[in-house]
Amino acid sequence: MVASPKPQPLGSSSDDPRRAAPAFAGVPAGDVGGGSGGGSPGTPERTIHNEITKLKANTVNAAAIAFFIGGGVGPLIGIGMTGFTLLQAVMVLVWFFVGLVLHSMAQTVLGGLLP
């Protein structure tokens, strides 16, 4: 029976290439992160920053769509069944406004993309 090598703690160096830190699309591990948040265009840290920023904007925009559909369009579809009161009209306008504000916030978040 062959004894297996003793596992090393994370972050320790090893001669085994299977334990080496993964690289991003062919970029050596030393070139990723660790900077001041800048870097030249196309560097992995800029790409990661831009993808996270787009994800945040997409999340806020999805909430805006939920407000538009759930509070704005839904009651308008039900007009034929229940009638339409002044309170419902005000609530539809409020939900549309909240959706519009959230959509504007998502566009503002996209302003943080790095070139």
N, C-alpha and C. Protein backbone atom coordinates (compact mmCIF):
# COMPACT_ATOMS: atom_id res chain seq x y z
N MET A 1 0.84 -1.17 0.00
CA MET A 1 0.00 0.00 0.00
C MET A 1 0.90 1.24 0.00
N VAL A 2 0.59 2.18 -0.88
CA VAL A 2 1.39 3.39 -1.02
C VAL A 2 0.78 4.48 -0.15
N ALA A 3 1.62 5.14 0.62
CA ALA A 3 1.13 6.22 1.48
C ALA A 3 0.91 7.47 0.64
N SER A 4 -0.23 8.10 0.82
CA SER A 4 -0.51 9.33 0.08
C SER A 4 0.19 10.50 0.77
N PRO A 5 0.56 11.54 -0.01
CA PRO A 5 1.25 12.68 0.59
C PRO A 5 0.33 13.42 1.56
N LYS A 6 0.95 14.01 2.56
CA LYS A 6 0.20 14.76 3.55
C LYS A 6 -0.36 16.03 2.91
N PRO A 7 -1.67 16.32 3.09
CA PRO A 7 -2.24 17.52 2.49
C PRO A 7 -1.63 18.79 3.08
N GLN A 8 -1.42 19.78 2.19
CA GLN A 8 -0.86 21.04 2.63
C GLN A 8 -1.98 22.05 2.83
N PRO A 9 -1.79 22.98 3.76
CA PRO A 9 -2.82 24.00 3.97
C PRO A 9 -2.95 24.89 2.74
N LEU A 10 -4.12 25.50 2.59
CA LEU A 10 -4.35 26.40 1.47
C LEU A 10 -3.35 27.54 1.49
N GLY A 11 -2.91 27.93 0.33
CA GLY A 11 -1.98 29.04 0.22
C GLY A 11 -0.53 28.65 0.34
N SER A 12 -0.26 27.38 0.67
CA SER A 12 1.14 26.97 0.77
C SER A 12 1.62 26.53 -0.60
N SER A 13 2.91 26.65 -0.82
CA SER A 13 3.45 26.29 -2.11
C SER A 13 3.62 24.77 -2.21
N SER A 14 3.56 24.29 -3.42
CA SER A 14 3.68 22.86 -3.65
C SER A 14 4.33 22.64 -5.00
N ASP A 15 5.01 21.54 -5.15
CA ASP A 15 5.62 21.21 -6.43
C ASP A 15 4.60 20.57 -7.36
N ASP A 16 3.45 20.21 -6.86
CA ASP A 16 2.41 19.56 -7.65
C ASP A 16 1.66 20.62 -8.47
N PRO A 17 1.74 20.56 -9.82
CA PRO A 17 1.08 21.58 -10.63
C PRO A 17 -0.44 21.55 -10.50
N ARG A 18 -1.01 20.43 -10.06
CA ARG A 18 -2.47 20.37 -9.90
C ARG A 18 -2.94 21.24 -8.74
N ARG A 19 -2.04 21.59 -7.83
CA ARG A 19 -2.40 22.40 -6.68
C ARG A 19 -2.14 23.89 -6.93
N ALA A 20 -1.64 24.24 -8.09
CA ALA A 20 -1.32 25.64 -8.38
C ALA A 20 -2.62 26.44 -8.48
N ALA A 21 -2.53 27.73 -8.17
CA ALA A 21 -3.70 28.60 -8.27
C ALA A 21 -4.13 28.71 -9.72
N PRO A 22 -5.43 28.68 -10.00
CA PRO A 22 -5.90 28.77 -11.37
C PRO A 22 -5.64 30.16 -11.96
N ALA A 23 -5.45 30.22 -13.25
CA ALA A 23 -5.25 31.48 -13.95
C ALA A 23 -6.52 31.84 -14.70
N PHE A 24 -6.73 33.12 -14.96
CA PHE A 24 -7.88 33.59 -15.71
C PHE A 24 -7.54 33.62 -17.19
N ALA A 25 -8.10 32.71 -17.95
CA ALA A 25 -7.98 32.68 -19.41
C ALA A 25 -6.54 32.89 -19.87
N GLY A 26 -5.62 32.16 -19.30
CA GLY A 26 -4.24 32.22 -19.75
C GLY A 26 -3.42 33.33 -19.11
N VAL A 27 -4.00 34.10 -18.21
CA VAL A 27 -3.26 35.16 -17.53
C VAL A 27 -2.63 34.56 -16.29
N PRO A 28 -1.34 34.74 -16.09
CA PRO A 28 -0.71 34.19 -14.90
C PRO A 28 -1.38 34.69 -13.62
N ALA A 29 -1.41 33.84 -12.59
CA ALA A 29 -2.10 34.17 -11.35
C ALA A 29 -1.55 35.43 -10.71
N GLY A 30 -0.28 35.72 -10.87
CA GLY A 30 0.31 36.91 -10.27
C GLY A 30 -0.19 38.21 -10.88
N ASP A 31 -0.75 38.15 -12.09
CA ASP A 31 -1.21 39.35 -12.76
C ASP A 31 -2.65 39.71 -12.43
N VAL A 32 -3.33 38.90 -11.63
CA VAL A 32 -4.75 39.12 -11.34
C VAL A 32 -4.89 39.76 -9.97
N GLY A 33 -5.64 40.87 -9.89
CA GLY A 33 -5.96 41.50 -8.62
C GLY A 33 -4.74 42.05 -7.92
N GLY A 34 -4.95 42.44 -6.68
CA GLY A 34 -3.85 42.94 -5.87
C GLY A 34 -3.43 44.36 -6.19
N GLY A 35 -4.05 44.96 -7.17
CA GLY A 35 -3.68 46.32 -7.55
C GLY A 35 -4.53 47.33 -6.83
N SER A 36 -4.51 48.56 -7.33
CA SER A 36 -5.26 49.64 -6.70
C SER A 36 -6.66 49.75 -7.30
N GLY A 37 -7.10 48.74 -8.03
CA GLY A 37 -8.42 48.80 -8.65
C GLY A 37 -8.35 49.33 -10.06
N GLY A 38 -7.19 49.73 -10.50
CA GLY A 38 -7.03 50.27 -11.85
C GLY A 38 -6.54 49.21 -12.79
N GLY A 39 -5.52 49.52 -13.51
CA GLY A 39 -4.95 48.57 -14.46
C GLY A 39 -5.20 49.06 -15.87
N SER A 40 -4.52 48.44 -16.79
CA SER A 40 -4.70 48.85 -18.17
C SER A 40 -6.00 48.26 -18.71
N PRO A 41 -6.53 48.83 -19.80
CA PRO A 41 -7.78 48.33 -20.35
C PRO A 41 -7.67 46.85 -20.71
N GLY A 42 -8.70 46.11 -20.39
CA GLY A 42 -8.74 44.71 -20.74
C GLY A 42 -8.13 43.80 -19.70
N THR A 43 -7.64 44.35 -18.60
CA THR A 43 -7.06 43.49 -17.56
C THR A 43 -8.18 42.76 -16.85
N PRO A 44 -7.87 41.62 -16.27
CA PRO A 44 -8.91 40.86 -15.58
C PRO A 44 -9.60 41.62 -14.46
N GLU A 45 -8.86 42.47 -13.73
CA GLU A 45 -9.52 43.20 -12.64
C GLU A 45 -10.53 44.20 -13.16
N ARG A 46 -10.28 44.82 -14.32
CA ARG A 46 -11.27 45.71 -14.91
C ARG A 46 -12.46 44.91 -15.42
N THR A 47 -12.18 43.78 -16.02
CA THR A 47 -13.27 42.94 -16.52
C THR A 47 -14.15 42.47 -15.37
N ILE A 48 -13.52 42.04 -14.27
CA ILE A 48 -14.28 41.58 -13.11
C ILE A 48 -15.11 42.74 -12.54
N HIS A 49 -14.51 43.92 -12.42
CA HIS A 49 -15.23 45.09 -11.91
C HIS A 49 -16.44 45.39 -12.80
N ASN A 50 -16.24 45.39 -14.12
CA ASN A 50 -17.33 45.70 -15.04
C ASN A 50 -18.44 44.65 -14.98
N GLU A 51 -18.07 43.39 -14.86
CA GLU A 51 -19.09 42.33 -14.79
C GLU A 51 -19.90 42.43 -13.51
N ILE A 52 -19.24 42.74 -12.39
CA ILE A 52 -19.97 42.90 -11.12
C ILE A 52 -20.89 44.12 -11.21
N THR A 53 -20.42 45.20 -11.83
CA THR A 53 -21.24 46.40 -11.98
C THR A 53 -22.46 46.10 -12.85
N LYS A 54 -22.27 45.35 -13.94
CA LYS A 54 -23.41 44.99 -14.79
C LYS A 54 -24.39 44.09 -14.06
N LEU A 55 -23.88 43.20 -13.22
CA LEU A 55 -24.75 42.31 -12.44
C LEU A 55 -25.60 43.11 -11.46
N LYS A 56 -25.00 44.10 -10.81
CA LYS A 56 -25.76 44.96 -9.89
C LYS A 56 -26.84 45.73 -10.63
N ALA A 57 -26.49 46.30 -11.78
CA ALA A 57 -27.46 47.05 -12.57
C ALA A 57 -28.59 46.15 -13.04
N ASN A 58 -28.26 44.93 -13.43
CA ASN A 58 -29.27 43.98 -13.89
C ASN A 58 -30.23 43.62 -12.76
N THR A 59 -29.71 43.46 -11.54
CA THR A 59 -30.55 43.13 -10.39
C THR A 59 -31.53 44.26 -10.09
N VAL A 60 -31.04 45.50 -10.10
CA VAL A 60 -31.92 46.65 -9.84
C VAL A 60 -32.95 46.78 -10.95
N ASN A 61 -32.55 46.54 -12.18
CA ASN A 61 -33.48 46.64 -13.30
C ASN A 61 -34.54 45.53 -13.23
N ALA A 62 -34.17 44.35 -12.76
CA ALA A 62 -35.16 43.27 -12.60
C ALA A 62 -36.21 43.66 -11.55
N ALA A 63 -35.78 44.33 -10.48
CA ALA A 63 -36.73 44.82 -9.48
C ALA A 63 -37.65 45.88 -10.10
N ALA A 64 -37.09 46.73 -10.95
CA ALA A 64 -37.91 47.74 -11.63
C ALA A 64 -38.96 47.09 -12.51
N ILE A 65 -38.59 46.05 -13.22
CA ILE A 65 -39.55 45.34 -14.08
C ILE A 65 -40.65 44.71 -13.22
N ALA A 66 -40.27 44.16 -12.07
CA ALA A 66 -41.28 43.57 -11.17
C ALA A 66 -42.28 44.62 -10.70
N PHE A 67 -41.80 45.82 -10.39
CA PHE A 67 -42.72 46.89 -9.98
C PHE A 67 -43.62 47.31 -11.13
N PHE A 68 -43.05 47.43 -12.33
CA PHE A 68 -43.87 47.80 -13.50
C PHE A 68 -44.98 46.79 -13.74
N ILE A 69 -44.61 45.51 -13.77
CA ILE A 69 -45.58 44.46 -14.11
C ILE A 69 -46.54 44.20 -12.95
N GLY A 70 -45.98 43.99 -11.75
CA GLY A 70 -46.82 43.62 -10.61
C GLY A 70 -47.76 44.71 -10.17
N GLY A 71 -47.30 45.93 -10.11
CA GLY A 71 -48.13 47.00 -9.57
C GLY A 71 -48.74 47.90 -10.61
N GLY A 72 -48.17 47.91 -11.80
CA GLY A 72 -48.68 48.80 -12.83
C GLY A 72 -49.56 48.12 -13.85
N VAL A 73 -49.03 47.10 -14.47
CA VAL A 73 -49.75 46.43 -15.55
C VAL A 73 -50.84 45.50 -15.00
N GLY A 74 -50.51 44.78 -13.91
CA GLY A 74 -51.48 43.83 -13.35
C GLY A 74 -52.83 44.45 -13.04
N PRO A 75 -52.89 45.54 -12.27
CA PRO A 75 -54.19 46.15 -12.00
C PRO A 75 -54.88 46.69 -13.25
N LEU A 76 -54.12 47.15 -14.21
CA LEU A 76 -54.74 47.64 -15.45
C LEU A 76 -55.43 46.52 -16.21
N ILE A 77 -54.88 45.32 -16.13
CA ILE A 77 -55.51 44.17 -16.79
C ILE A 77 -56.81 43.81 -16.09
N GLY A 78 -56.86 43.98 -14.77
CA GLY A 78 -58.05 43.61 -14.01
C GLY A 78 -59.16 44.64 -14.03
N ILE A 79 -59.03 45.72 -14.77
CA ILE A 79 -60.06 46.78 -14.80
C ILE A 79 -61.41 46.21 -15.21
N GLY A 80 -61.43 45.36 -16.21
CA GLY A 80 -62.70 44.83 -16.71
C GLY A 80 -63.43 43.96 -15.70
N MET A 81 -62.73 43.38 -14.76
CA MET A 81 -63.37 42.47 -13.81
C MET A 81 -63.90 43.20 -12.57
N THR A 82 -63.15 44.15 -12.06
CA THR A 82 -63.51 44.74 -10.77
C THR A 82 -63.83 46.23 -10.86
N GLY A 83 -63.68 46.82 -11.99
CA GLY A 83 -63.80 48.27 -12.07
C GLY A 83 -62.50 48.91 -11.65
N PHE A 84 -62.48 50.23 -11.63
CA PHE A 84 -61.24 50.93 -11.32
C PHE A 84 -61.58 52.09 -10.40
N THR A 85 -61.00 52.08 -9.20
CA THR A 85 -61.27 53.15 -8.24
C THR A 85 -60.13 54.16 -8.26
N LEU A 86 -60.36 55.27 -7.59
CA LEU A 86 -59.33 56.30 -7.52
C LEU A 86 -58.10 55.79 -6.76
N LEU A 87 -58.31 55.00 -5.71
CA LEU A 87 -57.20 54.44 -4.96
C LEU A 87 -56.34 53.53 -5.85
N GLN A 88 -57.00 52.72 -6.67
CA GLN A 88 -56.24 51.86 -7.59
C GLN A 88 -55.43 52.69 -8.58
N ALA A 89 -56.02 53.77 -9.08
CA ALA A 89 -55.31 54.63 -10.03
C ALA A 89 -54.06 55.24 -9.38
N VAL A 90 -54.20 55.69 -8.13
CA VAL A 90 -53.06 56.27 -7.42
C VAL A 90 -51.98 55.21 -7.20
N MET A 91 -52.40 54.02 -6.79
CA MET A 91 -51.43 52.94 -6.54
C MET A 91 -50.69 52.54 -7.82
N VAL A 92 -51.41 52.48 -8.93
CA VAL A 92 -50.76 52.15 -10.21
C VAL A 92 -49.70 53.20 -10.54
N LEU A 93 -50.02 54.47 -10.34
CA LEU A 93 -49.05 55.53 -10.61
C LEU A 93 -47.85 55.44 -9.68
N VAL A 94 -48.09 55.12 -8.41
CA VAL A 94 -46.98 54.98 -7.45
C VAL A 94 -46.07 53.83 -7.87
N TRP A 95 -46.65 52.68 -8.23
CA TRP A 95 -45.84 51.52 -8.63
C TRP A 95 -45.06 51.82 -9.91
N PHE A 96 -45.71 52.49 -10.87
CA PHE A 96 -44.99 52.87 -12.09
C PHE A 96 -43.83 53.81 -11.76
N PHE A 97 -44.06 54.77 -10.85
CA PHE A 97 -43.02 55.72 -10.49
C PHE A 97 -41.85 55.01 -9.80
N VAL A 98 -42.15 54.10 -8.88
CA VAL A 98 -41.07 53.35 -8.20
C VAL A 98 -40.28 52.54 -9.24
N GLY A 99 -40.96 51.92 -10.18
CA GLY A 99 -40.27 51.18 -11.24
C GLY A 99 -39.39 52.08 -12.07
N LEU A 100 -39.88 53.27 -12.37
CA LEU A 100 -39.09 54.23 -13.15
C LEU A 100 -37.85 54.68 -12.37
N VAL A 101 -38.01 54.92 -11.07
CA VAL A 101 -36.86 55.33 -10.24
C VAL A 101 -35.83 54.21 -10.18
N LEU A 102 -36.28 52.97 -9.99
CA LEU A 102 -35.34 51.84 -9.95
C LEU A 102 -34.62 51.67 -11.28
N HIS A 103 -35.34 51.84 -12.38
CA HIS A 103 -34.72 51.73 -13.70
C HIS A 103 -33.66 52.82 -13.88
N SER A 104 -33.95 54.02 -13.42
CA SER A 104 -32.97 55.11 -13.50
C SER A 104 -31.74 54.82 -12.64
N MET A 105 -31.98 54.21 -11.47
CA MET A 105 -30.85 53.83 -10.61
C MET A 105 -29.98 52.79 -11.31
N ALA A 106 -30.59 51.85 -12.01
CA ALA A 106 -29.81 50.84 -12.73
C ALA A 106 -28.93 51.49 -13.81
N GLN A 107 -29.48 52.50 -14.49
CA GLN A 107 -28.69 53.20 -15.50
C GLN A 107 -27.53 53.96 -14.85
N THR A 108 -27.77 54.50 -13.66
CA THR A 108 -26.71 55.22 -12.95
C THR A 108 -25.60 54.26 -12.53
N VAL A 109 -25.99 53.06 -12.09
CA VAL A 109 -24.98 52.06 -11.71
C VAL A 109 -24.09 51.73 -12.90
N LEU A 110 -24.67 51.68 -14.10
CA LEU A 110 -23.88 51.38 -15.29
C LEU A 110 -22.88 52.48 -15.61
N GLY A 111 -23.08 53.65 -15.05
CA GLY A 111 -22.13 54.75 -15.24
C GLY A 111 -20.79 54.44 -14.56
N GLY A 112 -20.76 53.45 -13.66
CA GLY A 112 -19.52 53.08 -12.98
C GLY A 112 -18.65 52.10 -13.74
N LEU A 113 -19.03 51.77 -14.98
CA LEU A 113 -18.21 50.86 -15.78
C LEU A 113 -16.87 51.52 -16.11
N LEU A 114 -15.82 50.72 -16.08
CA LEU A 114 -14.49 51.22 -16.43
C LEU A 114 -14.28 51.06 -17.93
N PRO A 115 -13.58 52.00 -18.55
CA PRO A 115 -13.36 51.90 -20.00
C PRO A 115 -12.42 50.76 -20.35
